[in-house]
Amino acid sequence: MTQSPTTPLPPPTDRRRLRESQSLTRAQVAERVGVSRETVRAWETGRTTPRGRRAQTYASLLAAAPAHPAPVAATEDMAALTPAQAFDALYAFCAPALVRQTYLLTGRRELARESVERAFQLAWHRWPEVAMDPDPAGWVRATAYECALSPWHRFRARHRHPEAPPADPADRALLSVLLKLPPTYRRTLLLHDGVGIGLPETAAETEASTLATANRLLHAREAVAAHLPDLADPAHLAPRLAGLATHARLRAARPSSVRACSERRARNWTQAAITFTVALIGATTFTLHTAPTHYEPPVAPGRTVQGVPPQAAPGPLSHAELALRKRLQNATAAGPERVQPEPR
C-alpha cells in the first residue's frame, strides 16, 4: 500500500488557485512533476488524483504557495472581510501576473499597466457584481484583455511609436512573432498555452465556439513554429511565454491608488451627468419662458391692387427736347438777353 505523502495534498478546488498564485502554468507544473499537461488539468479538476512520488512532488510544489484555510473557514473569513480588503486581496493575487500577460498581448509596458489598472477600476466600481462572480479573476482578466486590445489606442499620440524591445534576442524574436498574429489568435494562444486554461474555458472567455478556438490555436502555433522552429512543440512554447513575461519586469500599482482612481472617476462622471442634466433643464425652462403663448398667423404674401394707375416717372428726352435744352443752356450762359439784377 502506498504511503501518504508527508506534505498534505490540497483539495482539487484549491489546486488551480495555488498554482496561479505562484504564476505557474500547467506546462511548468507538468515539467517539474514529470507528467503531461493534461494530467495536471485532470488533477486540478478532480478527475484523477496523483499517487506515490508524483503526489509528494506535486504537493510540495503547491505547498510553496501561501497557505490558505479550509473552504469553510475561507468562506467565513471572506464574509468577515470588508469590500476594500477583499478587493485588495484579489488585486494582490491577480495583478502582477495579469500585467505580464497583458504585456504579451500588446508589447507595451505602459499600456499593459493601464489596461490592468482600468480593469480593476471597473471591478471596484462594480464590486458587488464581481464579488458574486464564480471566477472574479477571470472577470478581471477578460476586462483587462479587452482594454488592452481596444483599437482606439492607435489614435493616442503616446502609442504611435513602438517601445524598446526586450534586450534578449530570443525574447525579442518571440515577442515580434506574437505581435504579428491577429489579436484573437494572440489572445487564444496566451490563454491556452501561456496561462494554461483549457480549450472550453478559452472559448468561453474569447466568446467563440470550441471549434473556432481550436482552429485559432492551431494557426497561432503554426505561425510561431514557422518563424521559430524550436518552439514548434507547445510544451516548449509555454515556458518561453512565461519567461518572456517575467523578464519584462513589470510592476502593478498599489491597490489603494487603484480604488481611489476608480472612486474619482465615478465622482467625475456623476458630476458631469448632473451638470448636463442641469444644463438641459435650464435650456428647457428658457425655451418655455420665451416661447409665444398664443397663435400668431403668418403674414400673407403681397397681391397686386387692380384699378390704380401706375405712378408716372420721367422718361427719356426726345431729340428736339435735347436740342432745345442745349440751346437754352448756351444762350443763358453768355448773351445780351441775360437778365442782370438792378440795385435799388
Protein backbone atom coordinates (compact mmCIF):
# COMPACT_ATOMS: atom_id res chain seq x y z
CA MET A 1 0.00 0.00 0.00
CA THR A 2 1.38 3.42 -0.97
CA GLN A 3 2.12 5.64 1.97
CA SER A 4 0.56 9.05 2.04
CA PRO A 5 2.93 11.93 1.34
CA THR A 6 4.38 13.87 4.20
CA THR A 7 3.07 17.11 2.66
CA PRO A 8 -0.75 17.02 2.55
CA LEU A 9 -2.27 17.36 -0.90
CA PRO A 10 -4.78 20.23 -1.09
CA PRO A 11 -8.29 19.54 -2.37
CA PRO A 12 -8.95 19.86 -6.12
CA THR A 13 -10.84 23.13 -5.65
CA ASP A 14 -7.66 24.82 -4.31
CA ARG A 15 -5.03 23.30 -6.61
CA ARG A 16 -5.50 25.67 -9.53
CA ARG A 17 -5.61 28.70 -7.23
CA LEU A 18 -2.37 27.65 -5.54
CA ARG A 19 -0.69 27.16 -8.90
CA GLU A 20 -1.79 30.54 -10.21
CA SER A 21 -0.70 32.28 -7.00
CA GLN A 22 2.88 31.36 -7.97
CA SER A 23 2.35 32.47 -11.62
CA LEU A 24 2.92 28.91 -12.81
CA THR A 25 1.34 27.39 -15.90
CA ARG A 26 0.15 23.82 -16.18
CA ALA A 27 3.03 23.10 -18.53
CA GLN A 28 5.57 24.29 -15.96
CA VAL A 29 3.98 22.18 -13.22
CA ALA A 30 3.85 19.18 -15.56
CA GLU A 31 7.53 19.59 -16.41
CA ARG A 32 8.55 19.72 -12.76
CA VAL A 33 6.40 16.79 -11.72
CA GLY A 34 7.22 14.73 -14.81
CA VAL A 35 3.72 14.31 -16.28
CA SER A 36 1.75 15.76 -19.16
CA ARG A 37 -0.19 18.98 -19.01
CA GLU A 38 -3.46 17.09 -19.45
CA THR A 39 -2.64 15.11 -16.32
CA VAL A 40 -2.19 18.31 -14.34
CA ARG A 41 -5.53 19.56 -15.66
CA ALA A 42 -7.15 16.31 -14.54
CA TRP A 43 -5.64 16.72 -11.06
CA GLU A 44 -6.98 20.27 -10.79
CA THR A 45 -10.47 19.30 -11.88
CA GLY A 46 -10.54 16.29 -9.54
CA ARG A 47 -10.96 13.66 -12.24
CA THR A 48 -7.80 11.89 -11.09
CA THR A 49 -5.52 12.04 -8.05
CA PRO A 50 -1.71 11.81 -8.07
CA ARG A 51 -0.09 8.85 -6.36
CA GLY A 52 3.27 7.97 -4.87
CA ARG A 53 6.31 10.12 -5.57
CA ARG A 54 4.42 12.32 -8.06
CA ALA A 55 1.85 13.13 -5.39
CA GLN A 56 4.67 14.11 -2.98
CA THR A 57 6.34 16.34 -5.62
CA TYR A 58 3.03 17.90 -6.64
CA ALA A 59 2.05 18.56 -3.01
CA SER A 60 5.43 20.12 -2.23
CA LEU A 61 5.14 22.35 -5.29
CA LEU A 62 1.73 23.61 -4.26
CA ALA A 63 2.81 23.99 -0.64
CA ALA A 64 5.25 26.70 -1.74
CA ALA A 65 2.26 28.98 -2.28
CA PRO A 66 0.83 30.99 0.62
CA ALA A 67 -1.21 28.78 2.88
CA HIS A 68 -4.99 29.13 2.81
CA PRO A 69 -7.53 27.83 5.32
CA ALA A 70 -10.14 25.25 4.62
CA PRO A 71 -13.05 26.16 2.32
CA VAL A 72 -15.49 26.67 5.21
CA ALA A 73 -13.05 28.84 7.12
CA ALA A 74 -12.20 30.73 3.94
CA THR A 75 -15.87 31.45 3.39
CA GLU A 76 -16.17 32.77 6.94
CA ASP A 77 -13.04 34.90 6.50
CA MET A 78 -14.31 36.31 3.21
CA ALA A 79 -17.59 37.18 4.89
CA ALA A 80 -15.65 38.96 7.63
CA LEU A 81 -13.57 40.99 5.13
CA THR A 82 -14.62 44.46 4.14
CA PRO A 83 -15.11 45.16 0.40
CA ALA A 84 -11.83 47.08 0.31
CA GLN A 85 -9.93 44.21 1.94
CA ALA A 86 -11.47 41.66 -0.42
CA PHE A 87 -10.60 43.84 -3.41
CA ASP A 88 -7.02 44.29 -2.21
CA ALA A 89 -6.67 40.53 -1.80
CA LEU A 90 -7.91 39.93 -5.35
CA TYR A 91 -5.62 42.63 -6.66
CA ALA A 92 -2.56 41.25 -4.90
CA PHE A 93 -3.41 37.77 -6.19
CA CYS A 94 -4.02 38.65 -9.86
CA ALA A 95 -2.44 41.98 -10.77
CA PRO A 96 1.29 41.04 -11.01
CA ALA A 97 0.73 38.08 -13.32
CA LEU A 98 -2.00 39.88 -15.26
CA VAL A 99 0.28 42.81 -16.10
CA ARG A 100 2.85 40.40 -17.52
CA GLN A 101 0.20 38.60 -19.56
CA THR A 102 -1.18 41.85 -20.93
CA TYR A 103 2.33 42.86 -21.96
CA LEU A 104 2.47 39.79 -24.21
CA LEU A 105 -0.77 40.96 -25.89
CA THR A 106 0.38 44.50 -26.61
CA GLY A 107 4.17 44.61 -26.43
CA ARG A 108 3.82 47.89 -24.48
CA ARG A 109 4.63 48.08 -20.81
CA GLU A 110 2.74 51.28 -20.06
CA LEU A 111 -0.35 50.10 -21.93
CA ALA A 112 -0.26 46.80 -20.04
CA ARG A 113 -0.24 48.62 -16.70
CA GLU A 114 -3.00 51.00 -17.79
CA SER A 115 -5.20 48.14 -19.01
CA VAL A 116 -4.85 46.16 -15.79
CA GLU A 117 -5.49 49.24 -13.65
CA ARG A 118 -8.53 50.14 -15.74
CA ALA A 119 -9.88 46.59 -15.39
CA PHE A 120 -9.53 46.71 -11.61
CA GLN A 121 -11.08 50.19 -11.52
CA LEU A 122 -14.13 48.78 -13.28
CA ALA A 123 -14.08 45.81 -10.91
CA TRP A 124 -14.14 48.14 -7.89
CA HIS A 125 -16.89 50.23 -9.47
CA ARG A 126 -18.96 47.04 -9.95
CA TRP A 127 -17.65 45.26 -6.88
CA PRO A 128 -20.96 43.69 -5.76
CA GLU A 129 -21.27 42.06 -9.17
CA VAL A 130 -17.60 40.99 -9.32
CA ALA A 131 -17.58 39.69 -5.75
CA MET A 132 -20.50 37.39 -6.51
CA ASP A 133 -18.95 36.16 -9.77
CA PRO A 134 -17.85 32.49 -9.69
CA ASP A 135 -14.45 33.49 -11.11
CA PRO A 136 -13.53 37.09 -10.16
CA ALA A 137 -10.00 36.62 -11.51
CA GLY A 138 -11.41 35.57 -14.87
CA TRP A 139 -13.72 38.60 -14.91
CA VAL A 140 -10.82 40.98 -14.35
CA ARG A 141 -8.59 39.14 -16.83
CA ALA A 142 -11.20 39.32 -19.60
CA THR A 143 -11.75 43.04 -18.94
CA ALA A 144 -8.01 43.76 -18.97
CA TYR A 145 -7.57 41.91 -22.26
CA GLU A 146 -10.46 43.85 -23.81
CA CYS A 147 -8.95 47.15 -22.68
CA ALA A 148 -5.50 46.21 -23.96
CA LEU A 149 -6.74 45.11 -27.40
CA SER A 150 -9.04 48.09 -27.93
CA PRO A 151 -8.49 49.54 -31.44
CA TRP A 152 -8.86 53.09 -30.11
CA HIS A 153 -5.32 53.03 -28.71
CA ARG A 154 -3.85 53.67 -32.13
CA PHE A 155 -5.29 57.20 -32.07
CA ARG A 156 -3.32 58.08 -28.95
CA ALA A 157 -0.15 60.04 -29.65
CA ARG A 158 1.88 58.24 -27.00
CA HIS A 159 1.15 54.82 -28.52
CA ARG A 160 2.02 55.66 -32.12
CA HIS A 161 5.71 54.98 -31.51
CA PRO A 162 6.87 51.48 -30.52
CA GLU A 163 8.55 50.87 -27.20
CA ALA A 164 12.01 49.48 -26.77
CA PRO A 165 12.06 45.71 -27.49
CA PRO A 166 13.45 43.18 -24.98
CA ALA A 167 17.22 43.04 -24.69
CA ASP A 168 17.43 39.26 -25.22
CA PRO A 169 17.39 38.42 -28.97
CA ALA A 170 15.33 35.27 -28.34
CA ASP A 171 12.71 37.18 -26.37
CA ARG A 172 12.69 39.93 -28.97
CA ALA A 173 12.07 37.43 -31.76
CA LEU A 174 9.25 35.70 -29.85
CA LEU A 175 7.55 39.00 -28.99
CA SER A 176 7.80 40.13 -32.61
CA VAL A 177 6.10 36.93 -33.79
CA LEU A 178 3.35 37.30 -31.21
CA LEU A 179 2.60 40.88 -32.21
CA LYS A 180 2.28 39.85 -35.87
CA LEU A 181 -0.57 37.45 -35.01
CA PRO A 182 -4.17 38.68 -35.21
CA PRO A 183 -5.42 39.84 -31.82
CA THR A 184 -7.88 36.94 -31.47
CA TYR A 185 -5.16 34.38 -32.26
CA ARG A 186 -2.72 36.08 -29.90
CA ARG A 187 -5.27 36.07 -27.09
CA THR A 188 -6.20 32.43 -27.65
CA LEU A 189 -2.55 31.36 -27.66
CA LEU A 190 -1.82 33.29 -24.49
CA LEU A 191 -4.82 31.92 -22.60
CA HIS A 192 -4.31 28.29 -23.59
CA ASP A 193 -0.54 27.91 -23.76
CA GLY A 194 0.56 30.83 -21.60
CA VAL A 195 -1.95 30.89 -18.76
CA GLY A 196 -2.82 27.20 -19.06
CA ILE A 197 -6.60 27.48 -19.38
CA GLY A 198 -8.40 24.59 -21.04
CA LEU A 199 -9.87 24.83 -24.52
CA PRO A 200 -13.54 25.13 -23.42
CA GLU A 201 -12.64 27.84 -20.88
CA THR A 202 -10.60 29.68 -23.51
CA ALA A 203 -13.50 29.53 -25.94
CA ALA A 204 -15.87 30.89 -23.32
CA GLU A 205 -13.56 33.76 -22.38
CA THR A 206 -12.92 34.74 -26.00
CA GLU A 207 -16.64 34.40 -26.82
CA ALA A 208 -16.07 31.87 -29.60
CA SER A 209 -17.02 28.28 -30.25
CA THR A 210 -14.71 25.48 -29.22
CA LEU A 211 -14.05 24.58 -32.85
CA ALA A 212 -13.16 28.16 -33.78
CA THR A 213 -10.91 28.43 -30.73
CA ALA A 214 -9.12 25.21 -31.66
CA ASN A 215 -8.53 26.49 -35.19
CA ARG A 216 -7.18 29.77 -33.89
CA LEU A 217 -4.86 27.94 -31.54
CA LEU A 218 -3.54 25.68 -34.29
CA HIS A 219 -2.95 28.58 -36.70
CA ALA A 220 -1.21 30.58 -33.99
CA ARG A 221 1.09 27.68 -33.15
CA GLU A 222 1.86 27.17 -36.84
CA ALA A 223 2.73 30.85 -37.24
CA VAL A 224 5.07 30.74 -34.26
CA ALA A 225 6.69 27.49 -35.45
CA ALA A 226 7.22 28.96 -38.95
CA HIS A 227 9.39 31.75 -37.54
CA LEU A 228 10.78 29.91 -34.50
CA PRO A 229 11.11 26.18 -35.29
CA ASP A 230 12.45 25.39 -31.80
CA LEU A 231 9.03 26.35 -30.38
CA ALA A 232 7.01 24.01 -32.58
CA ASP A 233 6.29 21.87 -29.52
CA PRO A 234 3.63 23.52 -27.32
CA ALA A 235 5.41 22.15 -24.26
CA HIS A 236 8.40 24.37 -25.13
CA LEU A 237 6.28 27.37 -26.02
CA ALA A 238 4.53 27.68 -22.63
CA PRO A 239 7.70 28.19 -20.52
CA ARG A 240 9.07 30.62 -23.11
CA LEU A 241 5.91 32.71 -22.84
CA ALA A 242 6.14 32.69 -19.06
CA GLY A 243 9.81 33.61 -19.20
CA LEU A 244 9.21 36.43 -21.67
CA ALA A 245 6.57 37.96 -19.41
CA THR A 246 8.78 37.58 -16.34
CA HIS A 247 11.79 39.26 -17.95
CA ALA A 248 9.72 42.36 -18.71
CA ARG A 249 9.96 43.38 -15.02
CA LEU A 250 6.54 44.96 -14.85
CA ARG A 251 5.07 46.26 -11.64
CA ALA A 252 1.46 46.99 -10.84
CA ALA A 253 0.25 49.99 -8.91
CA ARG A 254 -0.89 49.76 -5.30
CA PRO A 255 -4.49 48.62 -4.78
CA SER A 256 -5.32 51.68 -2.69
CA SER A 257 -4.41 54.02 -5.56
CA VAL A 258 -6.48 51.93 -7.97
CA ARG A 259 -9.52 52.15 -5.68
CA ALA A 260 -9.01 55.91 -5.25
CA CYS A 261 -8.77 56.42 -9.01
CA SER A 262 -11.93 54.38 -9.55
CA GLU A 263 -13.84 56.43 -6.99
CA ARG A 264 -12.53 59.66 -8.51
CA ARG A 265 -13.67 58.57 -11.96
CA ALA A 266 -17.10 57.72 -10.60
CA ARG A 267 -17.38 61.15 -8.96
CA ASN A 268 -16.30 62.92 -12.14
CA TRP A 269 -18.83 61.03 -14.24
CA THR A 270 -21.54 61.73 -11.68
CA GLN A 271 -20.72 65.44 -11.65
CA ALA A 272 -20.69 65.52 -15.45
CA ALA A 273 -24.08 63.82 -15.58
CA ILE A 274 -25.51 66.27 -13.02
CA THR A 275 -24.09 69.24 -14.94
CA PHE A 276 -25.55 68.02 -18.21
CA THR A 277 -28.93 67.43 -16.57
CA VAL A 278 -28.96 70.91 -15.03
CA ALA A 279 -28.00 72.47 -18.38
CA LEU A 280 -30.77 70.53 -20.11
CA ILE A 281 -33.32 71.65 -17.51
CA GLY A 282 -32.16 75.26 -17.84
CA ALA A 283 -32.43 75.19 -21.63
CA THR A 284 -35.91 73.69 -21.40
CA THR A 285 -37.02 76.32 -18.86
CA PHE A 286 -35.67 79.17 -21.00
CA THR A 287 -37.48 77.80 -24.05
CA LEU A 288 -40.76 77.57 -22.15
CA HIS A 289 -40.50 81.16 -20.89
CA THR A 290 -39.55 82.70 -24.25
CA ALA A 291 -41.90 80.71 -26.45
CA PRO A 292 -45.12 82.51 -27.67
CA THR A 293 -48.24 81.88 -25.62
CA HIS A 294 -50.79 82.37 -28.44
CA TYR A 295 -51.07 81.65 -32.10
CA GLU A 296 -49.77 84.29 -34.49
CA PRO A 297 -50.87 83.75 -38.10
CA PRO A 298 -48.18 84.24 -40.69
CA VAL A 299 -48.18 87.41 -42.88
CA ALA A 300 -49.94 86.81 -46.20
CA PRO A 301 -47.91 87.38 -49.34
CA GLY A 302 -48.48 90.70 -51.25
CA ARG A 303 -51.04 90.98 -54.07
CA THR A 304 -51.35 93.42 -56.98
CA VAL A 305 -54.10 96.09 -56.48
CA GLN A 306 -56.33 96.46 -59.50
CA GLY A 307 -57.64 99.87 -60.83
CA VAL A 308 -54.83 102.13 -59.60
CA PRO A 309 -52.80 103.76 -62.40
CA PRO A 310 -49.09 103.26 -62.18
CA GLN A 311 -47.02 106.12 -60.87
CA ALA A 312 -45.64 108.34 -63.63
CA ALA A 313 -41.94 108.65 -63.90
CA PRO A 314 -39.79 110.98 -66.06
CA GLY A 315 -38.91 109.35 -69.31
CA PRO A 316 -36.08 109.93 -71.74
CA LEU A 317 -35.98 113.28 -73.70
CA SER A 318 -36.57 113.38 -77.43
CA HIS A 319 -34.05 114.78 -79.90
CA ALA A 320 -35.93 118.07 -80.17
CA GLU A 321 -36.08 118.47 -76.42
CA LEU A 322 -32.41 117.70 -76.08
CA ALA A 323 -31.58 120.31 -78.75
CA LEU A 324 -33.76 122.91 -77.03
CA ARG A 325 -32.16 122.27 -73.66
CA LYS A 326 -28.73 122.63 -75.15
CA ARG A 327 -29.64 125.87 -76.88
CA LEU A 328 -31.13 127.33 -73.73
CA GLN A 329 -28.09 126.40 -71.71
CA ASN A 330 -25.75 128.06 -74.21
CA ALA A 331 -27.90 131.19 -74.57
CA THR A 332 -28.28 131.87 -70.89
CA ALA A 333 -24.63 131.38 -70.14
CA ALA A 334 -23.43 134.37 -72.21
CA GLY A 335 -25.62 136.80 -74.23
CA PRO A 336 -27.09 140.29 -74.25
CA GLU A 337 -30.51 138.96 -73.33
CA ARG A 338 -29.29 137.82 -69.92
CA VAL A 339 -31.18 139.48 -67.12
CA GLN A 340 -28.99 141.43 -64.79
CA PRO A 341 -30.31 142.42 -61.38
CA GLU A 342 -30.53 146.17 -60.82
CA PRO A 343 -29.63 147.62 -57.47
CA ARG A 344 -32.31 149.59 -55.62
